[in-house]
Amino acid sequence: MMSIFKTLFRIQNRQTDAITKIDVPAFKEAISGKKDLQLVDVRTPYEYNTDHIDNALNIDFFKQTAFKSSFNEFDKNEPLYVYCRSGNRSKKAAVILAEIGFKNIIDLKGGYIAWEKHKD
């Protein structure tokens, strides 16, 4: 019984260690001028088409059957930047992405709402 708990705890720690939540200025700095950037907007297509961060791919978090498989072509060892509207969906998405093996997930604190408030 104890080994199951230890295993679960280790898995949870790995997931937590894989996810970093950063604010808008740090996020902007991290994604600026990067080639082959893995930047994903996990909002709905309607939200994405209204406005989004340049070079972001739209992978709808609510389409769970396709969500995980949409990341098959991504490099799990490279940073993966995610955001949503307010930070709630991207937080859940980050946990799922850590579960499927992504090692460095950067989640935008406050989501696109925060991004909009910091526009130049």
PDB file of N, CA and C in Angstrom:
ATOM      1  N   MET A   1       0.824  -1.196   0.000  1.00  0.00           N
ATOM      2  CA  MET A   1       0.000   0.000   0.000  1.00  0.00           C
ATOM      3  C   MET A   1       0.872   1.266   0.000  1.00  0.00           C
ATOM      4  N   MET A   2       1.898   1.254   0.820  1.00  0.00           N
ATOM      5  CA  MET A   2       2.760   2.429   0.922  1.00  0.00           C
ATOM      6  C   MET A   2       3.493   2.707  -0.391  1.00  0.00           C
ATOM      7  N   SER A   3       3.888   1.666  -1.109  1.00  0.00           N
ATOM      8  CA  SER A   3       4.605   1.876  -2.369  1.00  0.00           C
ATOM      9  C   SER A   3       3.701   2.522  -3.415  1.00  0.00           C
ATOM     10  N   ILE A   4       2.408   2.217  -3.399  1.00  0.00           N
ATOM     11  CA  ILE A   4       1.466   2.860  -4.321  1.00  0.00           C
ATOM     12  C   ILE A   4       1.408   4.353  -4.026  1.00  0.00           C
ATOM     13  N   PHE A   5       1.326   4.694  -2.753  1.00  0.00           N
ATOM     14  CA  PHE A   5       1.290   6.103  -2.353  1.00  0.00           C
ATOM     15  C   PHE A   5       2.569   6.820  -2.789  1.00  0.00           C
ATOM     16  N   LYS A   6       3.703   6.196  -2.553  1.00  0.00           N
ATOM     17  CA  LYS A   6       4.987   6.801  -2.941  1.00  0.00           C
ATOM     18  C   LYS A   6       5.051   7.002  -4.449  1.00  0.00           C
ATOM     19  N   THR A   7       4.591   6.024  -5.204  1.00  0.00           N
ATOM     20  CA  THR A   7       4.588   6.125  -6.664  1.00  0.00           C
ATOM     21  C   THR A   7       3.695   7.264  -7.120  1.00  0.00           C
ATOM     22  N   LEU A   8       2.492   7.333  -6.573  1.00  0.00           N
ATOM     23  CA  LEU A   8       1.571   8.407  -6.925  1.00  0.00           C
ATOM     24  C   LEU A   8       2.152   9.764  -6.567  1.00  0.00           C
ATOM     25  N   PHE A   9       2.784   9.853  -5.424  1.00  0.00           N
ATOM     26  CA  PHE A   9       3.387  11.112  -4.982  1.00  0.00           C
ATOM     27  C   PHE A   9       4.513  11.529  -5.920  1.00  0.00           C
ATOM     28  N   ARG A  10       5.342  10.562  -6.338  1.00  0.00           N
ATOM     29  CA  ARG A  10       6.437  10.858  -7.266  1.00  0.00           C
ATOM     30  C   ARG A  10       5.894  11.357  -8.606  1.00  0.00           C
ATOM     31  N   ILE A  11       4.844  10.697  -9.104  1.00  0.00           N
ATOM     32  CA  ILE A  11       4.236  11.113 -10.374  1.00  0.00           C
ATOM     33  C   ILE A  11       3.700  12.528 -10.243  1.00  0.00           C
ATOM     34  N   GLN A  12       3.015  12.816  -9.141  1.00  0.00           N
ATOM     35  CA  GLN A  12       2.463  14.160  -8.923  1.00  0.00           C
ATOM     36  C   GLN A  12       3.582  15.198  -8.869  1.00  0.00           C
ATOM     37  N   ASN A  13       4.675  14.883  -8.214  1.00  0.00           N
ATOM     38  CA  ASN A  13       5.808  15.817  -8.138  1.00  0.00           C
ATOM     39  C   ASN A  13       6.402  16.077  -9.514  1.00  0.00           C
ATOM     40  N   ARG A  14       6.531  15.031 -10.326  1.00  0.00           N
ATOM     41  CA  ARG A  14       7.069  15.205 -11.674  1.00  0.00           C
ATOM     42  C   ARG A  14       6.171  16.141 -12.477  1.00  0.00           C
ATOM     43  N   GLN A  15       4.860  15.956 -12.345  1.00  0.00           N
ATOM     44  CA  GLN A  15       3.918  16.811 -13.068  1.00  0.00           C
ATOM     45  C   GLN A  15       4.072  18.258 -12.617  1.00  0.00           C
ATOM     46  N   THR A  16       4.107  18.460 -11.313  1.00  0.00           N
ATOM     47  CA  THR A  16       4.243  19.802 -10.766  1.00  0.00           C
ATOM     48  C   THR A  16       5.561  20.431 -11.185  1.00  0.00           C
ATOM     49  N   ASP A  17       6.621  19.656 -11.164  1.00  0.00           N
ATOM     50  CA  ASP A  17       7.943  20.157 -11.555  1.00  0.00           C
ATOM     51  C   ASP A  17       7.988  20.556 -13.028  1.00  0.00           C
ATOM     52  N   ALA A  18       7.141  19.951 -13.845  1.00  0.00           N
ATOM     53  CA  ALA A  18       7.142  20.221 -15.283  1.00  0.00           C
ATOM     54  C   ALA A  18       6.428  21.529 -15.628  1.00  0.00           C
ATOM     55  N   ILE A  19       5.633  22.056 -14.697  1.00  0.00           N
ATOM     56  CA  ILE A  19       4.786  23.224 -14.980  1.00  0.00           C
ATOM     57  C   ILE A  19       5.302  24.468 -14.261  1.00  0.00           C
ATOM     58  N   THR A  20       5.460  25.545 -15.025  1.00  0.00           N
ATOM     59  CA  THR A  20       5.851  26.832 -14.460  1.00  0.00           C
ATOM     60  C   THR A  20       4.816  27.859 -14.876  1.00  0.00           C
ATOM     61  N   LYS A  21       4.279  28.595 -13.922  1.00  0.00           N
ATOM     62  CA  LYS A  21       3.311  29.654 -14.217  1.00  0.00           C
ATOM     63  C   LYS A  21       4.069  30.982 -14.131  1.00  0.00           C
ATOM     64  N   ILE A  22       4.038  31.761 -15.228  1.00  0.00           N
ATOM     65  CA  ILE A  22       4.763  33.037 -15.231  1.00  0.00           C
ATOM     66  C   ILE A  22       3.838  34.177 -15.656  1.00  0.00           C
ATOM     67  N   ASP A  23       4.194  35.384 -15.254  1.00  0.00           N
ATOM     68  CA  ASP A  23       3.370  36.552 -15.559  1.00  0.00           C
ATOM     69  C   ASP A  23       3.618  37.042 -16.994  1.00  0.00           C
ATOM     70  N   VAL A  24       2.812  38.012 -17.404  1.00  0.00           N
ATOM     71  CA  VAL A  24       2.861  38.496 -18.795  1.00  0.00           C
ATOM     72  C   VAL A  24       4.241  39.003 -19.216  1.00  0.00           C
ATOM     73  N   PRO A  25       4.897  39.887 -18.444  1.00  0.00           N
ATOM     74  CA  PRO A  25       6.221  40.356 -18.908  1.00  0.00           C
ATOM     75  C   PRO A  25       7.223  39.213 -19.119  1.00  0.00           C
ATOM     76  N   ALA A  26       7.242  38.253 -18.215  1.00  0.00           N
ATOM     77  CA  ALA A  26       8.167  37.117 -18.347  1.00  0.00           C
ATOM     78  C   ALA A  26       7.775  36.234 -19.533  1.00  0.00           C
ATOM     79  N   PHE A  27       6.475  36.053 -19.745  1.00  0.00           N
ATOM     80  CA  PHE A  27       5.972  35.253 -20.865  1.00  0.00           C
ATOM     81  C   PHE A  27       6.351  35.913 -22.185  1.00  0.00           C
ATOM     82  N   LYS A  28       6.127  37.240 -22.271  1.00  0.00           N
ATOM     83  CA  LYS A  28       6.481  37.983 -23.497  1.00  0.00           C
ATOM     84  C   LYS A  28       7.966  37.846 -23.803  1.00  0.00           C
ATOM     85  N   GLU A  29       8.777  37.989 -22.779  1.00  0.00           N
ATOM     86  CA  GLU A  29      10.224  37.887 -22.966  1.00  0.00           C
ATOM     87  C   GLU A  29      10.606  36.476 -23.417  1.00  0.00           C
ATOM     88  N   ALA A  30       9.971  35.482 -22.828  1.00  0.00           N
ATOM     89  CA  ALA A  30      10.303  34.088 -23.136  1.00  0.00           C
ATOM     90  C   ALA A  30       9.960  33.709 -24.576  1.00  0.00           C
ATOM     91  N   ILE A  31       8.873  34.267 -25.115  1.00  0.00           N
ATOM     92  CA  ILE A  31       8.451  33.870 -26.464  1.00  0.00           C
ATOM     93  C   ILE A  31       8.958  34.798 -27.569  1.00  0.00           C
ATOM     94  N   SER A  32       9.498  35.949 -27.213  1.00  0.00           N
ATOM     95  CA  SER A  32       9.896  36.913 -28.248  1.00  0.00           C
ATOM     96  C   SER A  32      11.122  36.436 -29.034  1.00  0.00           C
ATOM     97  N   GLY A  33      11.017  36.520 -30.339  1.00  0.00           N
ATOM     98  CA  GLY A  33      12.129  36.202 -31.224  1.00  0.00           C
ATOM     99  C   GLY A  33      12.512  34.746 -31.302  1.00  0.00           C
ATOM    100  N   LYS A  34      11.684  33.851 -30.803  1.00  0.00           N
ATOM    101  CA  LYS A  34      12.009  32.426 -30.828  1.00  0.00           C
ATOM    102  C   LYS A  34      11.556  31.798 -32.140  1.00  0.00           C
ATOM    103  N   LYS A  35      12.428  30.952 -32.686  1.00  0.00           N
ATOM    104  CA  LYS A  35      12.066  30.145 -33.857  1.00  0.00           C
ATOM    105  C   LYS A  35      11.541  28.814 -33.346  1.00  0.00           C
ATOM    106  N   ASP A  36      10.673  28.180 -34.131  1.00  0.00           N
ATOM    107  CA  ASP A  36      10.113  26.878 -33.764  1.00  0.00           C
ATOM    108  C   ASP A  36       9.498  26.887 -32.369  1.00  0.00           C
ATOM    109  N   LEU A  37       8.812  27.958 -32.065  1.00  0.00           N
ATOM    110  CA  LEU A  37       8.179  28.130 -30.759  1.00  0.00           C
ATOM    111  C   LEU A  37       6.953  27.235 -30.650  1.00  0.00           C
ATOM    112  N   GLN A  38       6.823  26.542 -29.545  1.00  0.00           N
ATOM    113  CA  GLN A  38       5.646  25.731 -29.263  1.00  0.00           C
ATOM    114  C   GLN A  38       4.725  26.572 -28.373  1.00  0.00           C
ATOM    115  N   LEU A  39       3.844  27.327 -28.996  1.00  0.00           N
ATOM    116  CA  LEU A  39       2.931  28.235 -28.298  1.00  0.00           C
ATOM    117  C   LEU A  39       1.507  27.816 -28.629  1.00  0.00           C
ATOM    118  N   VAL A  40       0.733  27.468 -27.600  1.00  0.00           N
ATOM    119  CA  VAL A  40      -0.602  26.927 -27.818  1.00  0.00           C
ATOM    120  C   VAL A  40      -1.656  27.701 -27.032  1.00  0.00           C
ATOM    121  N   ASP A  41      -2.687  28.111 -27.758  1.00  0.00           N
ATOM    122  CA  ASP A  41      -3.873  28.743 -27.200  1.00  0.00           C
ATOM    123  C   ASP A  41      -4.898  27.625 -27.025  1.00  0.00           C
ATOM    124  N   VAL A  42      -5.299  27.332 -25.785  1.00  0.00           N
ATOM    125  CA  VAL A  42      -6.199  26.206 -25.534  1.00  0.00           C
ATOM    126  C   VAL A  42      -7.672  26.638 -25.460  1.00  0.00           C
ATOM    127  N   ARG A  43      -7.951  27.868 -25.913  1.00  0.00           N
ATOM    128  CA  ARG A  43      -9.328  28.353 -25.926  1.00  0.00           C
ATOM    129  C   ARG A  43     -10.091  27.753 -27.115  1.00  0.00           C
ATOM    130  N   THR A  44     -11.368  28.085 -27.209  1.00  0.00           N
ATOM    131  CA  THR A  44     -12.187  27.615 -28.329  1.00  0.00           C
ATOM    132  C   THR A  44     -11.768  28.332 -29.612  1.00  0.00           C
ATOM    133  N   PRO A  45     -12.082  27.770 -30.766  1.00  0.00           N
ATOM    134  CA  PRO A  45     -11.771  28.462 -32.030  1.00  0.00           C
ATOM    135  C   PRO A  45     -12.412  29.858 -32.096  1.00  0.00           C
ATOM    136  N   TYR A  46     -13.618  30.001 -31.558  1.00  0.00           N
ATOM    137  CA  TYR A  46     -14.265  31.315 -31.559  1.00  0.00           C
ATOM    138  C   TYR A  46     -13.419  32.330 -30.774  1.00  0.00           C
ATOM    139  N   GLU A  47     -12.972  31.957 -29.582  1.00  0.00           N
ATOM    140  CA  GLU A  47     -12.142  32.856 -28.772  1.00  0.00           C
ATOM    141  C   GLU A  47     -10.832  33.165 -29.497  1.00  0.00           C
ATOM    142  N   TYR A  48     -10.217  32.131 -30.052  1.00  0.00           N
ATOM    143  CA  TYR A  48      -8.949  32.279 -30.770  1.00  0.00           C
ATOM    144  C   TYR A  48      -9.100  33.236 -31.952  1.00  0.00           C
ATOM    145  N   ASN A  49     -10.175  33.057 -32.717  1.00  0.00           N
ATOM    146  CA  ASN A  49     -10.389  33.883 -33.907  1.00  0.00           C
ATOM    147  C   ASN A  49     -10.737  35.324 -33.570  1.00  0.00           C
ATOM    148  N   THR A  50     -11.214  35.577 -32.357  1.00  0.00           N
ATOM    149  CA  THR A  50     -11.497  36.938 -31.910  1.00  0.00           C
ATOM    150  C   THR A  50     -10.184  37.701 -31.760  1.00  0.00           C
ATOM    151  N   ASP A  51      -9.200  37.066 -31.150  1.00  0.00           N
ATOM    152  CA  ASP A  51      -7.850  37.624 -31.005  1.00  0.00           C
ATOM    153  C   ASP A  51      -6.982  36.595 -30.297  1.00  0.00           C
ATOM    154  N   HIS A  52      -5.702  36.600 -30.590  1.00  0.00           N
ATOM    155  CA  HIS A  52      -4.773  35.656 -29.975  1.00  0.00           C
ATOM    156  C   HIS A  52      -3.344  36.197 -30.044  1.00  0.00           C
ATOM    157  N   ILE A  53      -2.458  35.554 -29.324  1.00  0.00           N
ATOM    158  CA  ILE A  53      -1.038  35.912 -29.352  1.00  0.00           C
ATOM    159  C   ILE A  53      -0.467  35.448 -30.692  1.00  0.00           C
ATOM    160  N   ASP A  54       0.334  36.312 -31.328  1.00  0.00           N
ATOM    161  CA  ASP A  54       0.951  35.979 -32.617  1.00  0.00           C
ATOM    162  C   ASP A  54       1.675  34.640 -32.552  1.00  0.00           C
ATOM    163  N   ASN A  55       1.525  33.864 -33.611  1.00  0.00           N
ATOM    164  CA  ASN A  55       2.188  32.564 -33.796  1.00  0.00           C
ATOM    165  C   ASN A  55       1.655  31.445 -32.896  1.00  0.00           C
ATOM    166  N   ALA A  56       0.558  31.692 -32.198  1.00  0.00           N
ATOM    167  CA  ALA A  56      -0.029  30.646 -31.357  1.00  0.00           C
ATOM    168  C   ALA A  56      -0.870  29.700 -32.205  1.00  0.00           C
ATOM    169  N   LEU A  57      -0.775  28.420 -31.887  1.00  0.00           N
ATOM    170  CA  LEU A  57      -1.637  27.415 -32.505  1.00  0.00           C
ATOM    171  C   LEU A  57      -2.858  27.252 -31.613  1.00  0.00           C
ATOM    172  N   ASN A  58      -3.993  26.997 -32.207  1.00  0.00           N
ATOM    173  CA  ASN A  58      -5.212  26.808 -31.430  1.00  0.00           C
ATOM    174  C   ASN A  58      -5.512  25.315 -31.296  1.00  0.00           C
ATOM    175  N   ILE A  59      -5.495  24.832 -30.050  1.00  0.00           N
ATOM    176  CA  ILE A  59      -5.896  23.458 -29.744  1.00  0.00           C
ATOM    177  C   ILE A  59      -6.911  23.550 -28.614  1.00  0.00           C
ATOM    178  N   ASP A  60      -8.168  23.332 -28.955  1.00  0.00           N
ATOM    179  CA  ASP A  60      -9.288  23.525 -28.040  1.00  0.00           C
ATOM    180  C   ASP A  60      -9.265  22.503 -26.903  1.00  0.00           C
ATOM    181  N   PHE A  61      -9.114  22.995 -25.673  1.00  0.00           N
ATOM    182  CA  PHE A  61      -9.073  22.135 -24.489  1.00  0.00           C
ATOM    183  C   PHE A  61     -10.372  21.355 -24.314  1.00  0.00           C
ATOM    184  N   PHE A  62     -11.494  21.948 -24.713  1.00  0.00           N
ATOM    185  CA  PHE A  62     -12.789  21.291 -24.524  1.00  0.00           C
ATOM    186  C   PHE A  62     -13.004  20.101 -25.458  1.00  0.00           C
ATOM    187  N   LYS A  63     -12.212  19.987 -26.503  1.00  0.00           N
ATOM    188  CA  LYS A  63     -12.303  18.841 -27.422  1.00  0.00           C
ATOM    189  C   LYS A  63     -11.360  17.748 -26.914  1.00  0.00           C
ATOM    190  N   GLN A  64     -11.703  17.158 -25.787  1.00  0.00           N
ATOM    191  CA  GLN A  64     -10.811  16.237 -25.090  1.00  0.00           C
ATOM    192  C   GLN A  64     -10.366  15.036 -25.920  1.00  0.00           C
ATOM    193  N   THR A  65     -11.224  14.507 -26.779  1.00  0.00           N
ATOM    194  CA  THR A  65     -10.821  13.336 -27.557  1.00  0.00           C
ATOM    195  C   THR A  65      -9.657  13.663 -28.484  1.00  0.00           C
ATOM    196  N   ALA A  66      -9.634  14.867 -29.014  1.00  0.00           N
ATOM    197  CA  ALA A  66      -8.565  15.267 -29.935  1.00  0.00           C
ATOM    198  C   ALA A  66      -7.437  16.010 -29.231  1.00  0.00           C
ATOM    199  N   PHE A  67      -7.686  16.503 -28.024  1.00  0.00           N
ATOM    200  CA  PHE A  67      -6.711  17.370 -27.353  1.00  0.00           C
ATOM    201  C   PHE A  67      -5.342  16.699 -27.211  1.00  0.00           C
ATOM    202  N   LYS A  68      -5.280  15.540 -26.581  1.00  0.00           N
ATOM    203  CA  LYS A  68      -3.988  14.874 -26.353  1.00  0.00           C
ATOM    204  C   LYS A  68      -3.287  14.521 -27.660  1.00  0.00           C
ATOM    205  N   SER A  69      -4.021  13.955 -28.602  1.00  0.00           N
ATOM    206  CA  SER A  69      -3.400  13.525 -29.857  1.00  0.00           C
ATOM    207  C   SER A  69      -2.907  14.711 -30.686  1.00  0.00           C
ATOM    208  N   SER A  70      -3.458  15.896 -30.442  1.00  0.00           N
ATOM    209  CA  SER A  70      -3.013  17.093 -31.161  1.00  0.00           C
ATOM    210  C   SER A  70      -1.558  17.440 -30.841  1.00  0.00           C
ATOM    211  N   PHE A  71      -1.037  16.895 -29.752  1.00  0.00           N
ATOM    212  CA  PHE A  71       0.328  17.204 -29.321  1.00  0.00           C
ATOM    213  C   PHE A  71       1.336  16.128 -29.738  1.00  0.00           C
ATOM    214  N   ASN A  72       0.902  15.146 -30.530  1.00  0.00           N
ATOM    215  CA  ASN A  72       1.790  14.047 -30.934  1.00  0.00           C
ATOM    216  C   ASN A  72       3.029  14.518 -31.687  1.00  0.00           C
ATOM    217  N   GLU A  73       2.897  15.575 -32.456  1.00  0.00           N
ATOM    218  CA  GLU A  73       4.025  16.057 -33.263  1.00  0.00           C
ATOM    219  C   GLU A  73       4.910  17.074 -32.533  1.00  0.00           C
ATOM    220  N   PHE A  74       4.548  17.405 -31.315  1.00  0.00           N
ATOM    221  CA  PHE A  74       5.322  18.374 -30.535  1.00  0.00           C
ATOM    222  C   PHE A  74       6.524  17.691 -29.889  1.00  0.00           C
ATOM    223  N   ASP A  75       7.561  18.465 -29.616  1.00  0.00           N
ATOM    224  CA  ASP A  75       8.756  17.959 -28.949  1.00  0.00           C
ATOM    225  C   ASP A  75       8.546  18.075 -27.435  1.00  0.00           C
ATOM    226  N   LYS A  76       8.469  16.936 -26.766  1.00  0.00           N
ATOM    227  CA  LYS A  76       8.185  16.921 -25.328  1.00  0.00           C
ATOM    228  C   LYS A  76       9.341  17.439 -24.480  1.00  0.00           C
ATOM    229  N   ASN A  77      10.524  17.553 -25.075  1.00  0.00           N
ATOM    230  CA  ASN A  77      11.690  18.046 -24.339  1.00  0.00           C
ATOM    231  C   ASN A  77      11.895  19.551 -24.481  1.00  0.00           C
ATOM    232  N   GLU A  78      11.209  20.152 -25.453  1.00  0.00           N
ATOM    233  CA  GLU A  78      11.314  21.601 -25.663  1.00  0.00           C
ATOM    234  C   GLU A  78      10.226  22.317 -24.861  1.00  0.00           C
ATOM    235  N   PRO A  79      10.458  23.584 -24.508  1.00  0.00           N
ATOM    236  CA  PRO A  79       9.423  24.327 -23.767  1.00  0.00           C
ATOM    237  C   PRO A  79       8.114  24.393 -24.558  1.00  0.00           C
ATOM    238  N   LEU A  80       7.024  24.239 -23.837  1.00  0.00           N
ATOM    239  CA  LEU A  80       5.688  24.342 -24.421  1.00  0.00           C
ATOM    240  C   LEU A  80       4.949  25.449 -23.670  1.00  0.00           C
ATOM    241  N   TYR A  81       4.604  26.505 -24.381  1.00  0.00           N
ATOM    242  CA  TYR A  81       3.929  27.659 -23.796  1.00  0.00           C
ATOM    243  C   TYR A  81       2.426  27.529 -24.023  1.00  0.00           C
ATOM    244  N   VAL A  82       1.641  27.655 -22.954  1.00  0.00           N
ATOM    245  CA  VAL A  82       0.189  27.525 -23.067  1.00  0.00           C
ATOM    246  C   VAL A  82      -0.510  28.711 -22.401  1.00  0.00           C
ATOM    247  N   TYR A  83      -1.681  29.022 -22.947  1.00  0.00           N
ATOM    248  CA  TYR A  83      -2.521  30.040 -22.320  1.00  0.00           C
ATOM    249  C   TYR A  83      -3.975  29.809 -22.710  1.00  0.00           C
ATOM    250  N   CYS A  84      -4.868  30.404 -21.921  1.00  0.00           N
ATOM    251  CA  CYS A  84      -6.297  30.370 -22.213  1.00  0.00           C
ATOM    252  C   CYS A  84      -6.857  31.769 -21.951  1.00  0.00           C
ATOM    253  N   ARG A  85      -8.110  31.865 -21.566  1.00  0.00           N
ATOM    254  CA  ARG A  85      -8.711  33.172 -21.328  1.00  0.00           C
ATOM    255  C   ARG A  85      -8.241  33.776 -20.001  1.00  0.00           C
ATOM    256  N   SER A  86      -8.358  32.980 -18.923  1.00  0.00           N
ATOM    257  CA  SER A  86      -8.051  33.523 -17.598  1.00  0.00           C
ATOM    258  C   SER A  86      -6.986  32.742 -16.827  1.00  0.00           C
ATOM    259  N   GLY A  87      -6.592  31.599 -17.340  1.00  0.00           N
ATOM    260  CA  GLY A  87      -5.585  30.776 -16.669  1.00  0.00           C
ATOM    261  C   GLY A  87      -6.131  29.470 -16.124  1.00  0.00           C
ATOM    262  N   ASN A  88      -7.447  29.308 -16.111  1.00  0.00           N
ATOM    263  CA  ASN A  88      -8.054  28.103 -15.556  1.00  0.00           C
ATOM    264  C   ASN A  88      -7.894  26.897 -16.485  1.00  0.00           C
ATOM    265  N   ARG A  89      -8.283  27.030 -17.730  1.00  0.00           N
ATOM    266  CA  ARG A  89      -8.155  25.924 -18.692  1.00  0.00           C
ATOM    267  C   ARG A  89      -6.696  25.559 -18.945  1.00  0.00           C
ATOM    268  N   SER A  90      -5.839  26.573 -19.054  1.00  0.00           N
ATOM    269  CA  SER A  90      -4.425  26.274 -19.333  1.00  0.00           C
ATOM    270  C   SER A  90      -3.779  25.538 -18.150  1.00  0.00           C
ATOM    271  N   LYS A  91      -4.244  25.819 -16.946  1.00  0.00           N
ATOM    272  CA  LYS A  91      -3.740  25.108 -15.766  1.00  0.00           C
ATOM    273  C   LYS A  91      -4.101  23.625 -15.873  1.00  0.00           C
ATOM    274  N   LYS A  92      -5.355  23.338 -16.229  1.00  0.00           N
ATOM    275  CA  LYS A  92      -5.802  21.951 -16.397  1.00  0.00           C
ATOM    276  C   LYS A  92      -5.085  21.298 -17.579  1.00  0.00           C
ATOM    277  N   ALA A  93      -4.928  22.056 -18.653  1.00  0.00           N
ATOM    278  CA  ALA A  93      -4.232  21.543 -19.838  1.00  0.00           C
ATOM    279  C   ALA A  93      -2.787  21.192 -19.492  1.00  0.00           C
ATOM    280  N   ALA A  94      -2.135  22.041 -18.710  1.00  0.00           N
ATOM    281  CA  ALA A  94      -0.737  21.815 -18.338  1.00  0.00           C
ATOM    282  C   ALA A  94      -0.579  20.501 -17.574  1.00  0.00           C
ATOM    283  N   VAL A  95      -1.526  20.200 -16.695  1.00  0.00           N
ATOM    284  CA  VAL A  95      -1.467  18.938 -15.941  1.00  0.00           C
ATOM    285  C   VAL A  95      -1.571  17.754 -16.900  1.00  0.00           C
ATOM    286  N   ILE A  96      -2.499  17.824 -17.835  1.00  0.00           N
ATOM    287  CA  ILE A  96      -2.651  16.751 -18.825  1.00  0.00           C
ATOM    288  C   ILE A  96      -1.376  16.612 -19.665  1.00  0.00           C
ATOM    289  N   LEU A  97      -0.815  17.740 -20.072  1.00  0.00           N
ATOM    290  CA  LEU A  97       0.402  17.712 -20.887  1.00  0.00           C
ATOM    291  C   LEU A  97       1.584  17.129 -20.115  1.00  0.00           C
ATOM    292  N   ALA A  98       1.656  17.411 -18.820  1.00  0.00           N
ATOM    293  CA  ALA A  98       2.699  16.810 -17.987  1.00  0.00           C
ATOM    294  C   ALA A  98       2.482  15.301 -17.884  1.00  0.00           C
ATOM    295  N   GLU A  99       1.226  14.887 -17.782  1.00  0.00           N
ATOM    296  CA  GLU A  99       0.900  13.457 -17.703  1.00  0.00           C
ATOM    297  C   GLU A  99       1.324  12.713 -18.965  1.00  0.00           C
ATOM    298  N   ILE A 100       1.240  13.370 -20.120  1.00  0.00           N
ATOM    299  CA  ILE A 100       1.622  12.680 -21.360  1.00  0.00           C
ATOM    300  C   ILE A 100       3.105  12.867 -21.704  1.00  0.00           C
ATOM    301  N   GLY A 101       3.851  13.490 -20.802  1.00  0.00           N
ATOM    302  CA  GLY A 101       5.305  13.475 -20.941  1.00  0.00           C
ATOM    303  C   GLY A 101       6.016  14.776 -21.247  1.00  0.00           C
ATOM    304  N   PHE A 102       5.289  15.899 -21.313  1.00  0.00           N
ATOM    305  CA  PHE A 102       5.983  17.170 -21.538  1.00  0.00           C
ATOM    306  C   PHE A 102       6.758  17.545 -20.278  1.00  0.00           C
ATOM    307  N   LYS A 103       7.991  17.991 -20.470  1.00  0.00           N
ATOM    308  CA  LYS A 103       8.885  18.225 -19.338  1.00  0.00           C
ATOM    309  C   LYS A 103       9.003  19.691 -18.917  1.00  0.00           C
ATOM    310  N   ASN A 104       8.607  20.612 -19.819  1.00  0.00           N
ATOM    311  CA  ASN A 104       8.767  22.034 -19.517  1.00  0.00           C
ATOM    312  C   ASN A 104       7.569  22.806 -20.083  1.00  0.00           C
ATOM    313  N   ILE A 105       6.536  22.936 -19.262  1.00  0.00           N
ATOM    314  CA  ILE A 105       5.304  23.605 -19.673  1.00  0.00           C
ATOM    315  C   ILE A 105       5.258  24.964 -18.987  1.00  0.00           C
ATOM    316  N   ILE A 106       5.114  26.010 -19.786  1.00  0.00           N
ATOM    317  CA  ILE A 106       5.060  27.367 -19.243  1.00  0.00           C
ATOM    318  C   ILE A 106       3.651  27.893 -19.466  1.00  0.00           C
ATOM    319  N   ASP A 107       2.974  28.176 -18.355  1.00  0.00           N
ATOM    320  CA  ASP A 107       1.576  28.589 -18.356  1.00  0.00           C
ATOM    321  C   ASP A 107       1.497  30.093 -18.076  1.00  0.00           C
ATOM    322  N   LEU A 108       0.776  30.816 -18.927  1.00  0.00           N
ATOM    323  CA  LEU A 108       0.620  32.267 -18.762  1.00  0.00           C
ATOM    324  C   LEU A 108      -0.334  32.580 -17.612  1.00  0.00           C
ATOM    325  N   LYS A 109       0.205  33.178 -16.571  1.00  0.00           N
ATOM    326  CA  LYS A 109      -0.590  33.556 -15.403  1.00  0.00           C
ATOM    327  C   LYS A 109      -1.621  34.622 -15.790  1.00  0.00           C
ATOM    328  N   GLY A 110      -2.883  34.348 -15.508  1.00  0.00           N
ATOM    329  CA  GLY A 110      -3.942  35.308 -15.824  1.00  0.00           C
ATOM    330  C   GLY A 110      -4.472  35.200 -17.240  1.00  0.00           C
ATOM    331  N   GLY A 111      -3.852  34.344 -18.071  1.00  0.00           N
ATOM    332  CA  GLY A 111      -4.316  34.084 -19.424  1.00  0.00           C
ATOM    333  C   GLY A 111      -4.336  35.297 -20.341  1.00  0.00           C
ATOM    334  N   TYR A 112      -5.180  35.203 -21.372  1.00  0.00           N
ATOM    335  CA  TYR A 112      -5.237  36.250 -22.389  1.00  0.00           C
ATOM    336  C   TYR A 112      -5.775  37.564 -21.826  1.00  0.00           C
ATOM    337  N   ILE A 113      -6.596  37.470 -20.786  1.00  0.00           N
ATOM    338  CA  ILE A 113      -7.111  38.692 -20.135  1.00  0.00           C
ATOM    339  C   ILE A 113      -5.928  39.521 -19.617  1.00  0.00           C
ATOM    340  N   ALA A 114      -5.000  38.862 -18.943  1.00  0.00           N
ATOM    341  CA  ALA A 114      -3.804  39.555 -18.436  1.00  0.00           C
ATOM    342  C   ALA A 114      -2.948  40.069 -19.589  1.00  0.00           C
ATOM    343  N   TRP A 115      -2.824  39.270 -20.654  1.00  0.00           N
ATOM    344  CA  TRP A 115      -2.044  39.659 -21.838  1.00  0.00           C
ATOM    345  C   TRP A 115      -2.586  40.966 -22.413  1.00  0.00           C
ATOM    346  N   GLU A 116      -3.902  41.057 -22.558  1.00  0.00           N
ATOM    347  CA  GLU A 116      -4.553  42.246 -23.112  1.00  0.00           C
ATOM    348  C   GLU A 116      -4.267  43.494 -22.272  1.00  0.00           C
ATOM    349  N   LYS A 117      -4.247  43.320 -20.965  1.00  0.00           N
ATOM    350  CA  LYS A 117      -3.999  44.459 -20.052  1.00  0.00           C
ATOM    351  C   LYS A 117      -2.575  44.980 -20.186  1.00  0.00           C
ATOM    352  N   HIS A 118      -1.658  44.137 -20.675  1.00  0.00           N
ATOM    353  CA  HIS A 118      -0.249  44.523 -20.797  1.00  0.00           C
ATOM    354  C   HIS A 118       0.153  44.880 -22.217  1.00  0.00           C
ATOM    355  N   LYS A 119      -0.822  45.025 -23.119  1.00  0.00           N
ATOM    356  CA  LYS A 119      -0.463  45.370 -24.494  1.00  0.00           C
ATOM    357  C   LYS A 119       0.206  46.728 -24.540  1.00  0.00           C
ATOM    358  N   ASP A 120       1.186  46.826 -25.392  1.00  0.00           N
ATOM    359  CA  ASP A 120       1.963  48.083 -25.503  1.00  0.00           C
ATOM    360  C   ASP A 120       1.164  49.177 -26.170  1.00  0.00           C
TER     361      ASP A 120
END
